[in-house]
Amino acid sequence: MAATPPELLAIEQKYAWEWFSYHAAQRMTALNYFFVTVGIIAVAYSKCVENGWRGVGCLVGALGSLCSIAFWLSM
């Protein structure tokens, strides 16, 4: 039995909403991981500044920049 147009529209809307919901959840999960990563990097950088470790601080800053660029490109 073929779906009538109202039934077909309901099926299409359900499919579209589930597609959106899945991808929105993925983006929110990625954003949460990004916030955790930035928090860890910020603490590491502040400890480097506190102890005067300039070289390690530069590496941590570069890692933070790399993570930010990677997140920006993935979105």
N, C-alpha and C. Protein backbone atom coordinates (compact mmCIF):
# COMPACT_ATOMS: atom_id res chain seq x y z
N MET A 1 0.84 -1.17 0.00
CA MET A 1 0.00 0.00 0.00
C MET A 1 0.89 1.23 0.00
N ALA A 2 0.69 2.09 -0.94
CA ALA A 2 1.51 3.30 -1.07
C ALA A 2 1.06 4.33 -0.04
N ALA A 3 2.03 5.10 0.44
CA ALA A 3 1.71 6.13 1.42
C ALA A 3 1.02 7.31 0.74
N THR A 4 -0.01 7.81 1.38
CA THR A 4 -0.68 8.98 0.85
C THR A 4 0.16 10.21 1.14
N PRO A 5 -0.04 11.29 0.43
CA PRO A 5 0.78 12.49 0.64
C PRO A 5 0.88 12.98 2.09
N PRO A 6 -0.21 13.03 2.87
CA PRO A 6 -0.03 13.46 4.27
C PRO A 6 0.83 12.49 5.07
N GLU A 7 0.66 11.18 4.82
CA GLU A 7 1.50 10.21 5.52
C GLU A 7 2.95 10.31 5.08
N LEU A 8 3.16 10.54 3.81
CA LEU A 8 4.50 10.70 3.27
C LEU A 8 5.17 11.93 3.86
N LEU A 9 4.43 13.01 3.98
CA LEU A 9 4.98 14.23 4.57
C LEU A 9 5.38 14.00 6.02
N ALA A 10 4.57 13.27 6.77
CA ALA A 10 4.90 12.97 8.16
C ALA A 10 6.17 12.12 8.26
N ILE A 11 6.30 11.17 7.37
CA ILE A 11 7.50 10.32 7.35
C ILE A 11 8.73 11.15 7.01
N GLU A 12 8.61 12.03 6.03
CA GLU A 12 9.74 12.88 5.64
C GLU A 12 10.12 13.83 6.76
N GLN A 13 9.13 14.40 7.44
CA GLN A 13 9.43 15.32 8.54
C GLN A 13 10.11 14.59 9.69
N LYS A 14 9.64 13.38 9.99
CA LYS A 14 10.27 12.60 11.05
C LYS A 14 11.72 12.28 10.70
N TYR A 15 11.96 11.89 9.46
CA TYR A 15 13.32 11.58 9.01
C TYR A 15 14.21 12.81 9.11
N ALA A 16 13.71 13.95 8.65
CA ALA A 16 14.50 15.18 8.69
C ALA A 16 14.81 15.59 10.12
N TRP A 17 13.84 15.47 11.02
CA TRP A 17 14.07 15.85 12.41
C TRP A 17 15.08 14.92 13.07
N GLU A 18 15.00 13.63 12.81
CA GLU A 18 15.96 12.70 13.39
C GLU A 18 17.37 12.95 12.86
N TRP A 19 17.47 13.30 11.59
CA TRP A 19 18.76 13.63 10.99
C TRP A 19 19.35 14.86 11.68
N PHE A 20 18.54 15.90 11.83
CA PHE A 20 18.99 17.13 12.49
C PHE A 20 19.38 16.85 13.93
N SER A 21 18.55 16.10 14.64
CA SER A 21 18.80 15.81 16.04
C SER A 21 20.11 15.05 16.23
N TYR A 22 20.37 14.10 15.38
CA TYR A 22 21.62 13.32 15.45
C TYR A 22 22.83 14.22 15.27
N HIS A 23 22.81 15.05 14.25
CA HIS A 23 23.96 15.90 13.97
C HIS A 23 24.11 17.02 14.99
N ALA A 24 23.02 17.53 15.50
CA ALA A 24 23.09 18.55 16.54
C ALA A 24 23.71 17.96 17.81
N ALA A 25 23.36 16.74 18.13
CA ALA A 25 23.94 16.08 19.31
C ALA A 25 25.44 15.86 19.13
N GLN A 26 25.84 15.50 17.91
CA GLN A 26 27.28 15.34 17.65
C GLN A 26 28.02 16.66 17.85
N ARG A 27 27.45 17.74 17.36
CA ARG A 27 28.11 19.05 17.50
C ARG A 27 28.18 19.47 18.95
N MET A 28 27.14 19.22 19.71
CA MET A 28 27.16 19.58 21.13
C MET A 28 28.19 18.75 21.89
N THR A 29 28.32 17.48 21.54
CA THR A 29 29.33 16.64 22.17
C THR A 29 30.73 17.14 21.83
N ALA A 30 30.95 17.51 20.58
CA ALA A 30 32.25 18.05 20.18
C ALA A 30 32.54 19.35 20.91
N LEU A 31 31.54 20.19 21.09
CA LEU A 31 31.72 21.45 21.81
C LEU A 31 32.08 21.20 23.26
N ASN A 32 31.43 20.23 23.89
CA ASN A 32 31.75 19.89 25.28
C ASN A 32 33.19 19.39 25.41
N TYR A 33 33.62 18.54 24.50
CA TYR A 33 35.00 18.07 24.55
C TYR A 33 35.98 19.22 24.31
N PHE A 34 35.62 20.15 23.44
CA PHE A 34 36.47 21.31 23.19
C PHE A 34 36.61 22.14 24.46
N PHE A 35 35.50 22.37 25.17
CA PHE A 35 35.57 23.15 26.42
C PHE A 35 36.45 22.47 27.46
N VAL A 36 36.34 21.17 27.57
CA VAL A 36 37.19 20.43 28.53
C VAL A 36 38.66 20.55 28.13
N THR A 37 38.94 20.42 26.84
CA THR A 37 40.31 20.52 26.35
C THR A 37 40.88 21.91 26.59
N VAL A 38 40.09 22.93 26.32
CA VAL A 38 40.55 24.30 26.54
C VAL A 38 40.80 24.55 28.02
N GLY A 39 39.95 24.00 28.88
CA GLY A 39 40.16 24.15 30.32
C GLY A 39 41.46 23.51 30.77
N ILE A 40 41.74 22.33 30.27
CA ILE A 40 42.99 21.64 30.64
C ILE A 40 44.20 22.43 30.13
N ILE A 41 44.12 22.91 28.92
CA ILE A 41 45.23 23.67 28.34
C ILE A 41 45.43 24.98 29.09
N ALA A 42 44.34 25.63 29.50
CA ALA A 42 44.45 26.88 30.26
C ALA A 42 45.13 26.65 31.60
N VAL A 43 44.79 25.57 32.27
CA VAL A 43 45.43 25.25 33.56
C VAL A 43 46.91 24.94 33.34
N ALA A 44 47.21 24.18 32.30
CA ALA A 44 48.61 23.84 32.01
C ALA A 44 49.41 25.10 31.70
N TYR A 45 48.83 26.01 30.91
CA TYR A 45 49.54 27.24 30.56
C TYR A 45 49.75 28.11 31.80
N SER A 46 48.74 28.22 32.67
CA SER A 46 48.90 29.04 33.86
C SER A 46 49.97 28.47 34.79
N LYS A 47 50.07 27.15 34.86
CA LYS A 47 51.13 26.54 35.68
C LYS A 47 52.51 26.80 35.08
N CYS A 48 52.58 26.80 33.76
CA CYS A 48 53.85 27.11 33.11
C CYS A 48 54.27 28.55 33.39
N VAL A 49 53.33 29.47 33.34
CA VAL A 49 53.62 30.88 33.63
C VAL A 49 54.01 31.03 35.09
N GLU A 50 53.30 30.34 35.97
CA GLU A 50 53.57 30.41 37.41
C GLU A 50 54.98 29.92 37.75
N ASN A 51 55.44 28.87 37.06
CA ASN A 51 56.75 28.30 37.35
C ASN A 51 57.86 28.86 36.47
N GLY A 52 57.51 29.70 35.52
CA GLY A 52 58.52 30.31 34.67
C GLY A 52 59.05 29.40 33.58
N TRP A 53 58.28 28.45 33.17
CA TRP A 53 58.69 27.53 32.10
C TRP A 53 58.25 28.09 30.76
N ARG A 54 59.06 28.94 30.19
CA ARG A 54 58.67 29.63 28.95
C ARG A 54 58.57 28.68 27.76
N GLY A 55 59.51 27.79 27.62
CA GLY A 55 59.50 26.87 26.48
C GLY A 55 58.29 25.96 26.49
N VAL A 56 58.01 25.38 27.65
CA VAL A 56 56.85 24.50 27.76
C VAL A 56 55.57 25.31 27.59
N GLY A 57 55.57 26.54 28.10
CA GLY A 57 54.41 27.41 27.95
C GLY A 57 54.13 27.72 26.48
N CYS A 58 55.19 27.93 25.71
CA CYS A 58 55.01 28.16 24.27
C CYS A 58 54.44 26.93 23.58
N LEU A 59 54.90 25.75 23.98
CA LEU A 59 54.37 24.51 23.40
C LEU A 59 52.90 24.31 23.77
N VAL A 60 52.56 24.60 25.02
CA VAL A 60 51.17 24.47 25.45
C VAL A 60 50.28 25.47 24.70
N GLY A 61 50.78 26.70 24.53
CA GLY A 61 50.04 27.70 23.77
C GLY A 61 49.85 27.28 22.32
N ALA A 62 50.88 26.72 21.73
CA ALA A 62 50.78 26.24 20.35
C ALA A 62 49.77 25.08 20.26
N LEU A 63 49.78 24.20 21.24
CA LEU A 63 48.81 23.10 21.28
C LEU A 63 47.39 23.65 21.39
N GLY A 64 47.21 24.66 22.21
CA GLY A 64 45.90 25.29 22.34
C GLY A 64 45.44 25.92 21.04
N SER A 65 46.36 26.58 20.35
CA SER A 65 46.03 27.17 19.05
C SER A 65 45.67 26.10 18.04
N LEU A 66 46.42 25.02 18.03
CA LEU A 66 46.15 23.92 17.11
C LEU A 66 44.78 23.29 17.38
N CYS A 67 44.45 23.10 18.64
CA CYS A 67 43.15 22.53 18.99
C CYS A 67 42.01 23.48 18.58
N SER A 68 42.21 24.78 18.77
CA SER A 68 41.19 25.75 18.39
C SER A 68 40.98 25.78 16.88
N ILE A 69 42.07 25.74 16.13
CA ILE A 69 41.96 25.74 14.67
C ILE A 69 41.30 24.45 14.19
N ALA A 70 41.68 23.33 14.78
CA ALA A 70 41.07 22.05 14.38
C ALA A 70 39.57 22.05 14.69
N PHE A 71 39.17 22.59 15.83
CA PHE A 71 37.76 22.66 16.16
C PHE A 71 37.02 23.58 15.19
N TRP A 72 37.62 24.71 14.88
CA TRP A 72 36.99 25.67 13.97
C TRP A 72 36.80 25.04 12.59
N LEU A 73 37.80 24.31 12.11
CA LEU A 73 37.72 23.70 10.78
C LEU A 73 36.70 22.55 10.76
N SER A 74 36.53 21.88 11.89
CA SER A 74 35.59 20.75 11.92
C SER A 74 34.14 21.21 11.97
N MET A 75 33.92 22.41 12.41
CA MET A 75 32.54 22.91 12.48
C MET A 75 32.22 23.58 11.19
